[in-house]
Each structure stands twice: as C-alpha cells, then as structure tokens.
Amino acid sequence: MEVVCKNCPVGCHLVVKDGEVYGNKCARGLSYKNYEEKSVFYTQVNLVNSSKGHLSVKSDRELTEAEKEECKELLKSITLEPPIVANKVVIENLGNTGINFISQRKISN
C-alpha cells in the first residue's frame, strides 16, 4: 500500500508491504509499519414496510478493511422499519463490535 507520511513536513511517499516501510527519509516514517488504512464505511440496509427498498447508512467512525468485512456480513441480517430520522444512530453496537451506523436520510411511514 502507498501512503504519504504525515509525521514531519517532508511528506515522503511511503510503500508499506509485509510490515516493512520503504521510501522514508527519516526515522519517523518507520511508524507506518503497522499502518492500516481506515475510512468511514458507507453501505445500505434493507427496509420493510416502505416504498424505498433500502436506507443508506454510514459507520460512526473510521474502520479497517477487516472491520468493514465483518460489518458487511452482520448487516445482511438487519432490516429497519420507518419512520427513520436523518443523521441519527439507527443501528447501535452492531454485533457487539462497538460500531454504530447512522442514517443518511429521512424515511417517512
């Protein structure tokens, strides 16, 4: 994986592969050896009793790829029912992971 180091003003372009860091110009870049890219996870959840088939949701924090895969599997069994308020937690502590999901829009009855 390629990443831009933000540990000093130089901004080296690093390559992280198999726990090794390449391209760093100072020792600070070595901290990326355990780096795992994270981002907010956007997905959809099925709805029941609604003309809309699904609801767009997002995680309440940045997730690793492994966490995203776990959430994908757990979310397959989740269905929500309107009314749903926009920008509110609609799934709390998914599968005891500590990850919450927030609605992206309002769905009326």
PDB file of N, CA and C in Angstrom:
ATOM      1  N   MET A   1       0.845  -1.160   0.000  1.00  0.00           N
ATOM      2  CA  MET A   1       0.000   0.000   0.000  1.00  0.00           C
ATOM      3  C   MET A   1       0.899   1.234   0.000  1.00  0.00           C
ATOM      4  N   GLU A   2       0.463   2.264  -0.692  1.00  0.00           N
ATOM      5  CA  GLU A   2       1.200   3.523  -0.728  1.00  0.00           C
ATOM      6  C   GLU A   2       0.483   4.545   0.132  1.00  0.00           C
ATOM      7  N   VAL A   3       1.275   5.354   0.845  1.00  0.00           N
ATOM      8  CA  VAL A   3       0.717   6.356   1.737  1.00  0.00           C
ATOM      9  C   VAL A   3       1.695   7.523   1.824  1.00  0.00           C
ATOM     10  N   VAL A   4       1.169   8.720   2.055  1.00  0.00           N
ATOM     11  CA  VAL A   4       2.013   9.888   2.262  1.00  0.00           C
ATOM     12  C   VAL A   4       2.213  10.046   3.762  1.00  0.00           C
ATOM     13  N   CYS A   5       3.461  10.074   4.187  1.00  0.00           N
ATOM     14  CA  CYS A   5       3.798  10.215   5.607  1.00  0.00           C
ATOM     15  C   CYS A   5       3.446  11.626   6.072  1.00  0.00           C
ATOM     16  N   LYS A   6       2.812  11.702   7.232  1.00  0.00           N
ATOM     17  CA  LYS A   6       2.421  12.998   7.792  1.00  0.00           C
ATOM     18  C   LYS A   6       3.105  13.256   9.131  1.00  0.00           C
ATOM     19  N   ASN A   7       4.175  12.519   9.409  1.00  0.00           N
ATOM     20  CA  ASN A   7       4.856  12.651  10.695  1.00  0.00           C
ATOM     21  C   ASN A   7       5.882  13.768  10.734  1.00  0.00           C
ATOM     22  N   CYS A   8       6.230  14.343   9.586  1.00  0.00           N
ATOM     23  CA  CYS A   8       7.132  15.500   9.536  1.00  0.00           C
ATOM     24  C   CYS A   8       6.778  16.312   8.289  1.00  0.00           C
ATOM     25  N   PRO A   9       7.356  17.492   8.124  1.00  0.00           N
ATOM     26  CA  PRO A   9       6.986  18.357   6.986  1.00  0.00           C
ATOM     27  C   PRO A   9       7.412  17.850   5.606  1.00  0.00           C
ATOM     28  N   VAL A  10       8.296  16.859   5.518  1.00  0.00           N
ATOM     29  CA  VAL A  10       8.801  16.395   4.225  1.00  0.00           C
ATOM     30  C   VAL A  10       7.704  15.746   3.388  1.00  0.00           C
ATOM     31  N   GLY A  11       6.857  14.922   3.996  1.00  0.00           N
ATOM     32  CA  GLY A  11       5.764  14.271   3.261  1.00  0.00           C
ATOM     33  C   GLY A  11       6.233  13.194   2.308  1.00  0.00           C
ATOM     34  N   CYS A  12       7.080  12.303   2.790  1.00  0.00           N
ATOM     35  CA  CYS A  12       7.603  11.210   1.957  1.00  0.00           C
ATOM     36  C   CYS A  12       6.471  10.321   1.445  1.00  0.00           C
ATOM     37  N   HIS A  13       6.666   9.812   0.244  1.00  0.00           N
ATOM     38  CA  HIS A  13       5.747   8.815  -0.312  1.00  0.00           C
ATOM     39  C   HIS A  13       6.275   7.453   0.111  1.00  0.00           C
ATOM     40  N   LEU A  14       5.523   6.785   0.985  1.00  0.00           N
ATOM     41  CA  LEU A  14       5.953   5.517   1.552  1.00  0.00           C
ATOM     42  C   LEU A  14       5.234   4.354   0.895  1.00  0.00           C
ATOM     43  N   VAL A  15       5.917   3.235   0.859  1.00  0.00           N
ATOM     44  CA  VAL A  15       5.308   1.977   0.453  1.00  0.00           C
ATOM     45  C   VAL A  15       5.375   1.069   1.674  1.00  0.00           C
ATOM     46  N   VAL A  16       4.219   0.573   2.105  1.00  0.00           N
ATOM     47  CA  VAL A  16       4.147  -0.333   3.243  1.00  0.00           C
ATOM     48  C   VAL A  16       3.778  -1.703   2.697  1.00  0.00           C
ATOM     49  N   LYS A  17       4.679  -2.668   2.909  1.00  0.00           N
ATOM     50  CA  LYS A  17       4.454  -4.013   2.373  1.00  0.00           C
ATOM     51  C   LYS A  17       4.996  -5.043   3.356  1.00  0.00           C
ATOM     52  N   ASP A  18       4.138  -5.974   3.744  1.00  0.00           N
ATOM     53  CA  ASP A  18       4.524  -7.056   4.656  1.00  0.00           C
ATOM     54  C   ASP A  18       5.190  -6.539   5.927  1.00  0.00           C
ATOM     55  N   GLY A  19       4.674  -5.452   6.479  1.00  0.00           N
ATOM     56  CA  GLY A  19       5.202  -4.913   7.729  1.00  0.00           C
ATOM     57  C   GLY A  19       6.496  -4.135   7.586  1.00  0.00           C
ATOM     58  N   GLU A  20       6.944  -3.897   6.362  1.00  0.00           N
ATOM     59  CA  GLU A  20       8.159  -3.122   6.112  1.00  0.00           C
ATOM     60  C   GLU A  20       7.788  -1.800   5.458  1.00  0.00           C
ATOM     61  N   VAL A  21       8.582  -0.756   5.749  1.00  0.00           N
ATOM     62  CA  VAL A  21       8.335   0.578   5.206  1.00  0.00           C
ATOM     63  C   VAL A  21       9.487   0.946   4.282  1.00  0.00           C
ATOM     64  N   TYR A  22       9.151   1.410   3.081  1.00  0.00           N
ATOM     65  CA  TYR A  22      10.152   1.831   2.109  1.00  0.00           C
ATOM     66  C   TYR A  22       9.863   3.265   1.682  1.00  0.00           C
ATOM     67  N   GLY A  23      10.928   4.040   1.456  1.00  0.00           N
ATOM     68  CA  GLY A  23      10.774   5.396   0.943  1.00  0.00           C
ATOM     69  C   GLY A  23      10.845   6.481   1.995  1.00  0.00           C
ATOM     70  N   ASN A  24      10.996   6.118   3.273  1.00  0.00           N
ATOM     71  CA  ASN A  24      11.072   7.136   4.318  1.00  0.00           C
ATOM     72  C   ASN A  24      12.453   7.780   4.323  1.00  0.00           C
ATOM     73  N   LYS A  25      12.485   9.105   4.554  1.00  0.00           N
ATOM     74  CA  LYS A  25      13.749   9.837   4.605  1.00  0.00           C
ATOM     75  C   LYS A  25      14.182  10.121   6.038  1.00  0.00           C
ATOM     76  N   CYS A  26      13.331   9.751   7.009  1.00  0.00           N
ATOM     77  CA  CYS A  26      13.708   9.905   8.415  1.00  0.00           C
ATOM     78  C   CYS A  26      13.079   8.762   9.213  1.00  0.00           C
ATOM     79  N   ALA A  27      13.495   8.632  10.458  1.00  0.00           N
ATOM     80  CA  ALA A  27      13.021   7.529  11.306  1.00  0.00           C
ATOM     81  C   ALA A  27      11.530   7.623  11.618  1.00  0.00           C
ATOM     82  N   ARG A  28      10.965   8.806  11.532  1.00  0.00           N
ATOM     83  CA  ARG A  28       9.539   8.965  11.849  1.00  0.00           C
ATOM     84  C   ARG A  28       8.647   8.146  10.915  1.00  0.00           C
ATOM     85  N   GLY A  29       9.087   7.956   9.705  1.00  0.00           N
ATOM     86  CA  GLY A  29       8.301   7.198   8.736  1.00  0.00           C
ATOM     87  C   GLY A  29       8.161   5.730   9.089  1.00  0.00           C
ATOM     88  N   LEU A  30       9.063   5.224   9.922  1.00  0.00           N
ATOM     89  CA  LEU A  30       9.000   3.814  10.315  1.00  0.00           C
ATOM     90  C   LEU A  30       7.750   3.496  11.124  1.00  0.00           C
ATOM     91  N   SER A  31       7.117   4.519  11.700  1.00  0.00           N
ATOM     92  CA  SER A  31       5.903   4.285  12.488  1.00  0.00           C
ATOM     93  C   SER A  31       4.768   3.751  11.614  1.00  0.00           C
ATOM     94  N   TYR A  32       4.901   3.848  10.310  1.00  0.00           N
ATOM     95  CA  TYR A  32       3.859   3.368   9.404  1.00  0.00           C
ATOM     96  C   TYR A  32       3.926   1.860   9.170  1.00  0.00           C
ATOM     97  N   LYS A  33       4.881   1.154   9.800  1.00  0.00           N
ATOM     98  CA  LYS A  33       4.999  -0.284   9.541  1.00  0.00           C
ATOM     99  C   LYS A  33       3.756  -1.051   9.970  1.00  0.00           C
ATOM    100  N   ASN A  34       3.036  -0.538  10.951  1.00  0.00           N
ATOM    101  CA  ASN A  34       1.788  -1.170  11.389  1.00  0.00           C
ATOM    102  C   ASN A  34       0.568  -0.402  10.897  1.00  0.00           C
ATOM    103  N   TYR A  35       0.782   0.455   9.908  1.00  0.00           N
ATOM    104  CA  TYR A  35      -0.288   1.312   9.392  1.00  0.00           C
ATOM    105  C   TYR A  35      -1.351   0.483   8.687  1.00  0.00           C
ATOM    106  N   GLU A  36      -2.575   0.797   9.001  1.00  0.00           N
ATOM    107  CA  GLU A  36      -3.700   0.169   8.323  1.00  0.00           C
ATOM    108  C   GLU A  36      -4.642   1.284   7.882  1.00  0.00           C
ATOM    109  N   GLU A  37      -4.915   1.338   6.607  1.00  0.00           N
ATOM    110  CA  GLU A  37      -5.778   2.390   6.082  1.00  0.00           C
ATOM    111  C   GLU A  37      -7.185   2.237   6.651  1.00  0.00           C
ATOM    112  N   LYS A  38      -7.751   3.360   7.066  1.00  0.00           N
ATOM    113  CA  LYS A  38      -9.098   3.364   7.629  1.00  0.00           C
ATOM    114  C   LYS A  38      -9.931   4.431   6.937  1.00  0.00           C
ATOM    115  N   SER A  39     -11.227   4.193   6.880  1.00  0.00           N
ATOM    116  CA  SER A  39     -12.148   5.199   6.354  1.00  0.00           C
ATOM    117  C   SER A  39     -13.550   4.899   6.871  1.00  0.00           C
ATOM    118  N   VAL A  40     -14.401   5.914   6.805  1.00  0.00           N
ATOM    119  CA  VAL A  40     -15.795   5.725   7.189  1.00  0.00           C
ATOM    120  C   VAL A  40     -16.416   4.753   6.190  1.00  0.00           C
ATOM    121  N   PHE A  41     -17.242   3.843   6.685  1.00  0.00           N
ATOM    122  CA  PHE A  41     -17.844   2.796   5.864  1.00  0.00           C
ATOM    123  C   PHE A  41     -19.273   3.186   5.500  1.00  0.00           C
ATOM    124  N   TYR A  42     -19.538   3.331   4.204  1.00  0.00           N
ATOM    125  CA  TYR A  42     -20.866   3.648   3.685  1.00  0.00           C
ATOM    126  C   TYR A  42     -21.463   2.387   3.072  1.00  0.00           C
ATOM    127  N   THR A  43     -22.725   2.110   3.397  1.00  0.00           N
ATOM    128  CA  THR A  43     -23.389   0.925   2.859  1.00  0.00           C
ATOM    129  C   THR A  43     -24.893   1.129   2.893  1.00  0.00           C
ATOM    130  N   GLN A  44     -25.648   0.079   2.595  1.00  0.00           N
ATOM    131  CA  GLN A  44     -27.109   0.160   2.602  1.00  0.00           C
ATOM    132  C   GLN A  44     -27.687  -0.960   3.448  1.00  0.00           C
ATOM    133  N   VAL A  45     -28.821  -0.666   4.074  1.00  0.00           N
ATOM    134  CA  VAL A  45     -29.539  -1.630   4.902  1.00  0.00           C
ATOM    135  C   VAL A  45     -30.943  -1.768   4.330  1.00  0.00           C
ATOM    136  N   ASN A  46     -31.465  -2.984   4.324  1.00  0.00           N
ATOM    137  CA  ASN A  46     -32.806  -3.232   3.801  1.00  0.00           C
ATOM    138  C   ASN A  46     -33.877  -2.621   4.696  1.00  0.00           C
ATOM    139  N   LEU A  47     -34.974  -2.188   4.048  1.00  0.00           N
ATOM    140  CA  LEU A  47     -36.133  -1.632   4.751  1.00  0.00           C
ATOM    141  C   LEU A  47     -37.335  -2.545   4.556  1.00  0.00           C
ATOM    142  N   VAL A  48     -38.221  -2.557   5.552  1.00  0.00           N
ATOM    143  CA  VAL A  48     -39.507  -3.250   5.427  1.00  0.00           C
ATOM    144  C   VAL A  48     -40.608  -2.213   5.562  1.00  0.00           C
ATOM    145  N   ASN A  49     -41.776  -2.521   4.995  1.00  0.00           N
ATOM    146  CA  ASN A  49     -42.937  -1.625   5.062  1.00  0.00           C
ATOM    147  C   ASN A  49     -42.618  -0.222   4.560  1.00  0.00           C
ATOM    148  N   SER A  50     -41.918  -0.159   3.442  1.00  0.00           N
ATOM    149  CA  SER A  50     -41.546   1.127   2.859  1.00  0.00           C
ATOM    150  C   SER A  50     -41.491   0.983   1.343  1.00  0.00           C
ATOM    151  N   SER A  51     -41.842   2.059   0.637  1.00  0.00           N
ATOM    152  CA  SER A  51     -41.731   2.035  -0.821  1.00  0.00           C
ATOM    153  C   SER A  51     -40.260   2.078  -1.247  1.00  0.00           C
ATOM    154  N   LYS A  52     -39.413   2.537  -0.368  1.00  0.00           N
ATOM    155  CA  LYS A  52     -37.969   2.523  -0.613  1.00  0.00           C
ATOM    156  C   LYS A  52     -37.457   1.140  -0.233  1.00  0.00           C
ATOM    157  N   GLY A  53     -36.579   0.592  -0.988  1.00  0.00           N
ATOM    158  CA  GLY A  53     -36.082  -0.751  -0.710  1.00  0.00           C
ATOM    159  C   GLY A  53     -34.962  -0.815   0.309  1.00  0.00           C
ATOM    160  N   HIS A  54     -34.249   0.317   0.451  1.00  0.00           N
ATOM    161  CA  HIS A  54     -33.097   0.305   1.339  1.00  0.00           C
ATOM    162  C   HIS A  54     -32.818   1.707   1.879  1.00  0.00           C
ATOM    163  N   LEU A  55     -31.967   1.760   2.880  1.00  0.00           N
ATOM    164  CA  LEU A  55     -31.560   3.015   3.508  1.00  0.00           C
ATOM    165  C   LEU A  55     -30.044   3.102   3.481  1.00  0.00           C
ATOM    166  N   SER A  56     -29.509   4.225   3.056  1.00  0.00           N
ATOM    167  CA  SER A  56     -28.064   4.446   3.099  1.00  0.00           C
ATOM    168  C   SER A  56     -27.659   4.789   4.527  1.00  0.00           C
ATOM    169  N   VAL A  57     -26.604   4.124   5.000  1.00  0.00           N
ATOM    170  CA  VAL A  57     -26.088   4.359   6.349  1.00  0.00           C
ATOM    171  C   VAL A  57     -24.569   4.484   6.281  1.00  0.00           C
ATOM    172  N   LYS A  58     -23.986   5.026   7.348  1.00  0.00           N
ATOM    173  CA  LYS A  58     -22.525   5.116   7.439  1.00  0.00           C
ATOM    174  C   LYS A  58     -22.097   4.786   8.857  1.00  0.00           C
ATOM    175  N   SER A  59     -20.871   4.297   8.993  1.00  0.00           N
ATOM    176  CA  SER A  59     -20.340   3.996  10.322  1.00  0.00           C
ATOM    177  C   SER A  59     -20.061   5.302  11.056  1.00  0.00           C
ATOM    178  N   ASP A  60     -20.071   5.228  12.382  1.00  0.00           N
ATOM    179  CA  ASP A  60     -19.848   6.433  13.183  1.00  0.00           C
ATOM    180  C   ASP A  60     -18.368   6.715  13.420  1.00  0.00           C
ATOM    181  N   ARG A  61     -17.507   5.889  12.846  1.00  0.00           N
ATOM    182  CA  ARG A  61     -16.061   6.105  12.957  1.00  0.00           C
ATOM    183  C   ARG A  61     -15.371   5.431  11.777  1.00  0.00           C
ATOM    184  N   GLU A  62     -14.092   5.705  11.631  1.00  0.00           N
ATOM    185  CA  GLU A  62     -13.320   5.076  10.566  1.00  0.00           C
ATOM    186  C   GLU A  62     -13.069   3.610  10.910  1.00  0.00           C
ATOM    187  N   LEU A  63     -13.143   2.749   9.889  1.00  0.00           N
ATOM    188  CA  LEU A  63     -12.975   1.311  10.073  1.00  0.00           C
ATOM    189  C   LEU A  63     -11.843   0.777   9.208  1.00  0.00           C
ATOM    190  N   THR A  64     -11.219  -0.297   9.672  1.00  0.00           N
ATOM    191  CA  THR A  64     -10.226  -1.005   8.864  1.00  0.00           C
ATOM    192  C   THR A  64     -10.970  -1.877   7.854  1.00  0.00           C
ATOM    193  N   GLU A  65     -10.247  -2.416   6.891  1.00  0.00           N
ATOM    194  CA  GLU A  65     -10.877  -3.297   5.900  1.00  0.00           C
ATOM    195  C   GLU A  65     -11.471  -4.529   6.571  1.00  0.00           C
ATOM    196  N   ALA A  66     -10.793  -5.072   7.579  1.00  0.00           N
ATOM    197  CA  ALA A  66     -11.310  -6.253   8.286  1.00  0.00           C
ATOM    198  C   ALA A  66     -12.618  -5.925   9.001  1.00  0.00           C
ATOM    199  N   GLU A  67     -12.691  -4.753   9.620  1.00  0.00           N
ATOM    200  CA  GLU A  67     -13.926  -4.340  10.296  1.00  0.00           C
ATOM    201  C   GLU A  67     -15.059  -4.149   9.290  1.00  0.00           C
ATOM    202  N   LYS A  68     -14.736  -3.593   8.124  1.00  0.00           N
ATOM    203  CA  LYS A  68     -15.756  -3.402   7.085  1.00  0.00           C
ATOM    204  C   LYS A  68     -16.323  -4.740   6.628  1.00  0.00           C
ATOM    205  N   GLU A  69     -15.458  -5.719   6.435  1.00  0.00           N
ATOM    206  CA  GLU A  69     -15.914  -7.042   6.005  1.00  0.00           C
ATOM    207  C   GLU A  69     -16.810  -7.677   7.060  1.00  0.00           C
ATOM    208  N   GLU A  70     -16.439  -7.538   8.334  1.00  0.00           N
ATOM    209  CA  GLU A  70     -17.264  -8.079   9.416  1.00  0.00           C
ATOM    210  C   GLU A  70     -18.633  -7.405   9.432  1.00  0.00           C
ATOM    211  N   CYS A  71     -18.644  -6.089   9.275  1.00  0.00           N
ATOM    212  CA  CYS A  71     -19.910  -5.346   9.266  1.00  0.00           C
ATOM    213  C   CYS A  71     -20.781  -5.747   8.080  1.00  0.00           C
ATOM    214  N   LYS A  72     -20.182  -5.945   6.906  1.00  0.00           N
ATOM    215  CA  LYS A  72     -20.951  -6.368   5.725  1.00  0.00           C
ATOM    216  C   LYS A  72     -21.735  -7.635   6.025  1.00  0.00           C
ATOM    217  N   GLU A  73     -21.072  -8.598   6.645  1.00  0.00           N
ATOM    218  CA  GLU A  73     -21.733  -9.867   6.969  1.00  0.00           C
ATOM    219  C   GLU A  73     -22.840  -9.668   7.997  1.00  0.00           C
ATOM    220  N   LEU A  74     -22.573  -8.904   9.041  1.00  0.00           N
ATOM    221  CA  LEU A  74     -23.566  -8.683  10.091  1.00  0.00           C
ATOM    222  C   LEU A  74     -24.772  -7.894   9.583  1.00  0.00           C
ATOM    223  N   LEU A  75     -24.541  -6.953   8.678  1.00  0.00           N
ATOM    224  CA  LEU A  75     -25.625  -6.106   8.173  1.00  0.00           C
ATOM    225  C   LEU A  75     -26.577  -6.852   7.240  1.00  0.00           C
ATOM    226  N   LYS A  76     -26.152  -7.981   6.687  1.00  0.00           N
ATOM    227  CA  LYS A  76     -27.021  -8.757   5.796  1.00  0.00           C
ATOM    228  C   LYS A  76     -28.296  -9.206   6.496  1.00  0.00           C
ATOM    229  N   SER A  77     -28.229  -9.392   7.806  1.00  0.00           N
ATOM    230  CA  SER A  77     -29.394  -9.886   8.556  1.00  0.00           C
ATOM    231  C   SER A  77     -30.212  -8.762   9.192  1.00  0.00           C
ATOM    232  N   ILE A  78     -29.843  -7.515   8.944  1.00  0.00           N
ATOM    233  CA  ILE A  78     -30.527  -6.368   9.551  1.00  0.00           C
ATOM    234  C   ILE A  78     -31.562  -5.796   8.588  1.00  0.00           C
ATOM    235  N   THR A  79     -32.772  -5.559   9.086  1.00  0.00           N
ATOM    236  CA  THR A  79     -33.780  -4.795   8.349  1.00  0.00           C
ATOM    237  C   THR A  79     -34.326  -3.734   9.289  1.00  0.00           C
ATOM    238  N   LEU A  80     -34.606  -2.587   8.741  1.00  0.00           N
ATOM    239  CA  LEU A  80     -35.143  -1.473   9.518  1.00  0.00           C
ATOM    240  C   LEU A  80     -36.538  -1.139   9.030  1.00  0.00           C
ATOM    241  N   GLU A  81     -37.302  -0.496   9.902  1.00  0.00           N
ATOM    242  CA  GLU A  81     -38.667  -0.110   9.560  1.00  0.00           C
ATOM    243  C   GLU A  81     -38.850   1.382   9.815  1.00  0.00           C
ATOM    244  N   PRO A  82     -39.438   2.097   8.856  1.00  0.00           N
ATOM    245  CA  PRO A  82     -39.707   3.521   9.051  1.00  0.00           C
ATOM    246  C   PRO A  82     -40.696   3.748  10.190  1.00  0.00           C
ATOM    247  N   PRO A  83     -40.758   4.926  10.744  1.00  0.00           N
ATOM    248  CA  PRO A  83     -40.065   6.144  10.313  1.00  0.00           C
ATOM    249  C   PRO A  83     -38.607   6.158  10.773  1.00  0.00           C
ATOM    250  N   ILE A  84     -37.768   6.789   9.951  1.00  0.00           N
ATOM    251  CA  ILE A  84     -36.345   6.917  10.251  1.00  0.00           C
ATOM    252  C   ILE A  84     -35.971   8.383  10.122  1.00  0.00           C
ATOM    253  N   VAL A  85     -35.270   8.868  11.120  1.00  0.00           N
ATOM    254  CA  VAL A  85     -34.822  10.260  11.149  1.00  0.00           C
ATOM    255  C   VAL A  85     -33.422  10.332  10.542  1.00  0.00           C
ATOM    256  N   ALA A  86     -33.164  11.344   9.738  1.00  0.00           N
ATOM    257  CA  ALA A  86     -31.849  11.513   9.114  1.00  0.00           C
ATOM    258  C   ALA A  86     -30.792  11.846  10.159  1.00  0.00           C
ATOM    259  N   ASN A  87     -29.594  11.363   9.929  1.00  0.00           N
ATOM    260  CA  ASN A  87     -28.416  11.658  10.751  1.00  0.00           C
ATOM    261  C   ASN A  87     -28.538  11.218  12.201  1.00  0.00           C
ATOM    262  N   LYS A  88     -29.243  10.131  12.433  1.00  0.00           N
ATOM    263  CA  LYS A  88     -29.377   9.553  13.780  1.00  0.00           C
ATOM    264  C   LYS A  88     -28.871   8.115  13.755  1.00  0.00           C
ATOM    265  N   VAL A  89     -28.389   7.648  14.906  1.00  0.00           N
ATOM    266  CA  VAL A  89     -27.955   6.254  15.008  1.00  0.00           C
ATOM    267  C   VAL A  89     -29.173   5.354  14.837  1.00  0.00           C
ATOM    268  N   VAL A  90     -29.118   4.466  13.854  1.00  0.00           N
ATOM    269  CA  VAL A  90     -30.222   3.534  13.605  1.00  0.00           C
ATOM    270  C   VAL A  90     -29.827   2.094  13.935  1.00  0.00           C
ATOM    271  N   ILE A  91     -28.527   1.834  14.002  1.00  0.00           N
ATOM    272  CA  ILE A  91     -28.022   0.524  14.420  1.00  0.00           C
ATOM    273  C   ILE A  91     -26.937   0.790  15.450  1.00  0.00           C
ATOM    274  N   GLU A  92     -27.180   0.352  16.664  1.00  0.00           N
ATOM    275  CA  GLU A  92     -26.247   0.610  17.754  1.00  0.00           C
ATOM    276  C   GLU A  92     -25.468  -0.655  18.105  1.00  0.00           C
ATOM    277  N   ASN A  93     -24.148  -0.511  18.217  1.00  0.00           N
ATOM    278  CA  ASN A  93     -23.266  -1.597  18.641  1.00  0.00           C
ATOM    279  C   ASN A  93     -23.498  -2.873  17.818  1.00  0.00           C
ATOM    280  N   LEU A  94     -23.371  -2.759  16.519  1.00  0.00           N
ATOM    281  CA  LEU A  94     -23.613  -3.873  15.594  1.00  0.00           C
ATOM    282  C   LEU A  94     -22.827  -5.112  16.014  1.00  0.00           C
ATOM    283  N   GLY A  95     -23.529  -6.180  16.345  1.00  0.00           N
ATOM    284  CA  GLY A  95     -22.891  -7.447  16.695  1.00  0.00           C
ATOM    285  C   GLY A  95     -21.856  -7.349  17.798  1.00  0.00           C
ATOM    286  N   ASN A  96     -22.073  -6.459  18.756  1.00  0.00           N
ATOM    287  CA  ASN A  96     -21.135  -6.221  19.865  1.00  0.00           C
ATOM    288  C   ASN A  96     -19.750  -5.777  19.395  1.00  0.00           C
ATOM    289  N   THR A  97     -19.691  -5.097  18.255  1.00  0.00           N
ATOM    290  CA  THR A  97     -18.417  -4.595  17.733  1.00  0.00           C
ATOM    291  C   THR A  97     -18.095  -3.208  18.270  1.00  0.00           C
ATOM    292  N   GLY A  98     -19.102  -2.536  18.834  1.00  0.00           N
ATOM    293  CA  GLY A  98     -18.914  -1.155  19.267  1.00  0.00           C
ATOM    294  C   GLY A  98     -19.108  -0.164  18.134  1.00  0.00           C
ATOM    295  N   ILE A  99     -19.492  -0.665  16.969  1.00  0.00           N
ATOM    296  CA  ILE A  99     -19.672   0.189  15.792  1.00  0.00           C
ATOM    297  C   ILE A  99     -21.152   0.511  15.635  1.00  0.00           C
ATOM    298  N   ASN A 100     -21.441   1.798  15.493  1.00  0.00           N
ATOM    299  CA  ASN A 100     -22.805   2.267  15.275  1.00  0.00           C
ATOM    300  C   ASN A 100     -22.946   2.708  13.825  1.00  0.00           C
ATOM    301  N   PHE A 101     -24.186   2.649  13.321  1.00  0.00           N
ATOM    302  CA  PHE A 101     -24.456   3.120  11.965  1.00  0.00           C
ATOM    303  C   PHE A 101     -25.502   4.223  12.003  1.00  0.00           C
ATOM    304  N   ILE A 102     -25.255   5.253  11.215  1.00  0.00           N
ATOM    305  CA  ILE A 102     -26.056   6.476  11.191  1.00  0.00           C
ATOM    306  C   ILE A 102     -26.830   6.546   9.878  1.00  0.00           C
ATOM    307  N   SER A 103     -28.114   6.893   9.973  1.00  0.00           N
ATOM    308  CA  SER A 103     -28.943   7.032   8.769  1.00  0.00           C
ATOM    309  C   SER A 103     -28.472   8.225   7.945  1.00  0.00           C
ATOM    310  N   GLN A 104     -28.593   8.115   6.635  1.00  0.00           N
ATOM    311  CA  GLN A 104     -28.178   9.182   5.734  1.00  0.00           C
ATOM    312  C   GLN A 104     -29.341  10.009   5.209  1.00  0.00           C
ATOM    313  N   ARG A 105     -30.575   9.542   5.478  1.00  0.00           N
ATOM    314  CA  ARG A 105     -31.739  10.307   5.015  1.00  0.00           C
ATOM    315  C   ARG A 105     -32.947   9.973   5.881  1.00  0.00           C
ATOM    316  N   LYS A 106     -33.959  10.790   5.717  1.00  0.00           N
ATOM    317  CA  LYS A 106     -35.224  10.596   6.425  1.00  0.00           C
ATOM    318  C   LYS A 106     -36.112   9.677   5.597  1.00  0.00           C
ATOM    319  N   ILE A 107     -36.750   8.737   6.266  1.00  0.00           N
ATOM    320  CA  ILE A 107     -37.725   7.867   5.611  1.00  0.00           C
ATOM    321  C   ILE A 107     -39.012   7.963   6.419  1.00  0.00           C
ATOM    322  N   SER A 108     -40.079   8.427   5.791  1.00  0.00           N
ATOM    323  CA  SER A 108     -41.379   8.540   6.460  1.00  0.00           C
ATOM    324  C   SER A 108     -42.135   7.229   6.361  1.00  0.00           C
ATOM    325  N   ASN A 109     -43.218   7.134   7.115  1.00  0.00           N
ATOM    326  CA  ASN A 109     -44.087   5.940   7.050  1.00  0.00           C
ATOM    327  C   ASN A 109     -44.707   5.800   5.685  1.00  0.00           C
TER     328      ASN A 109
END
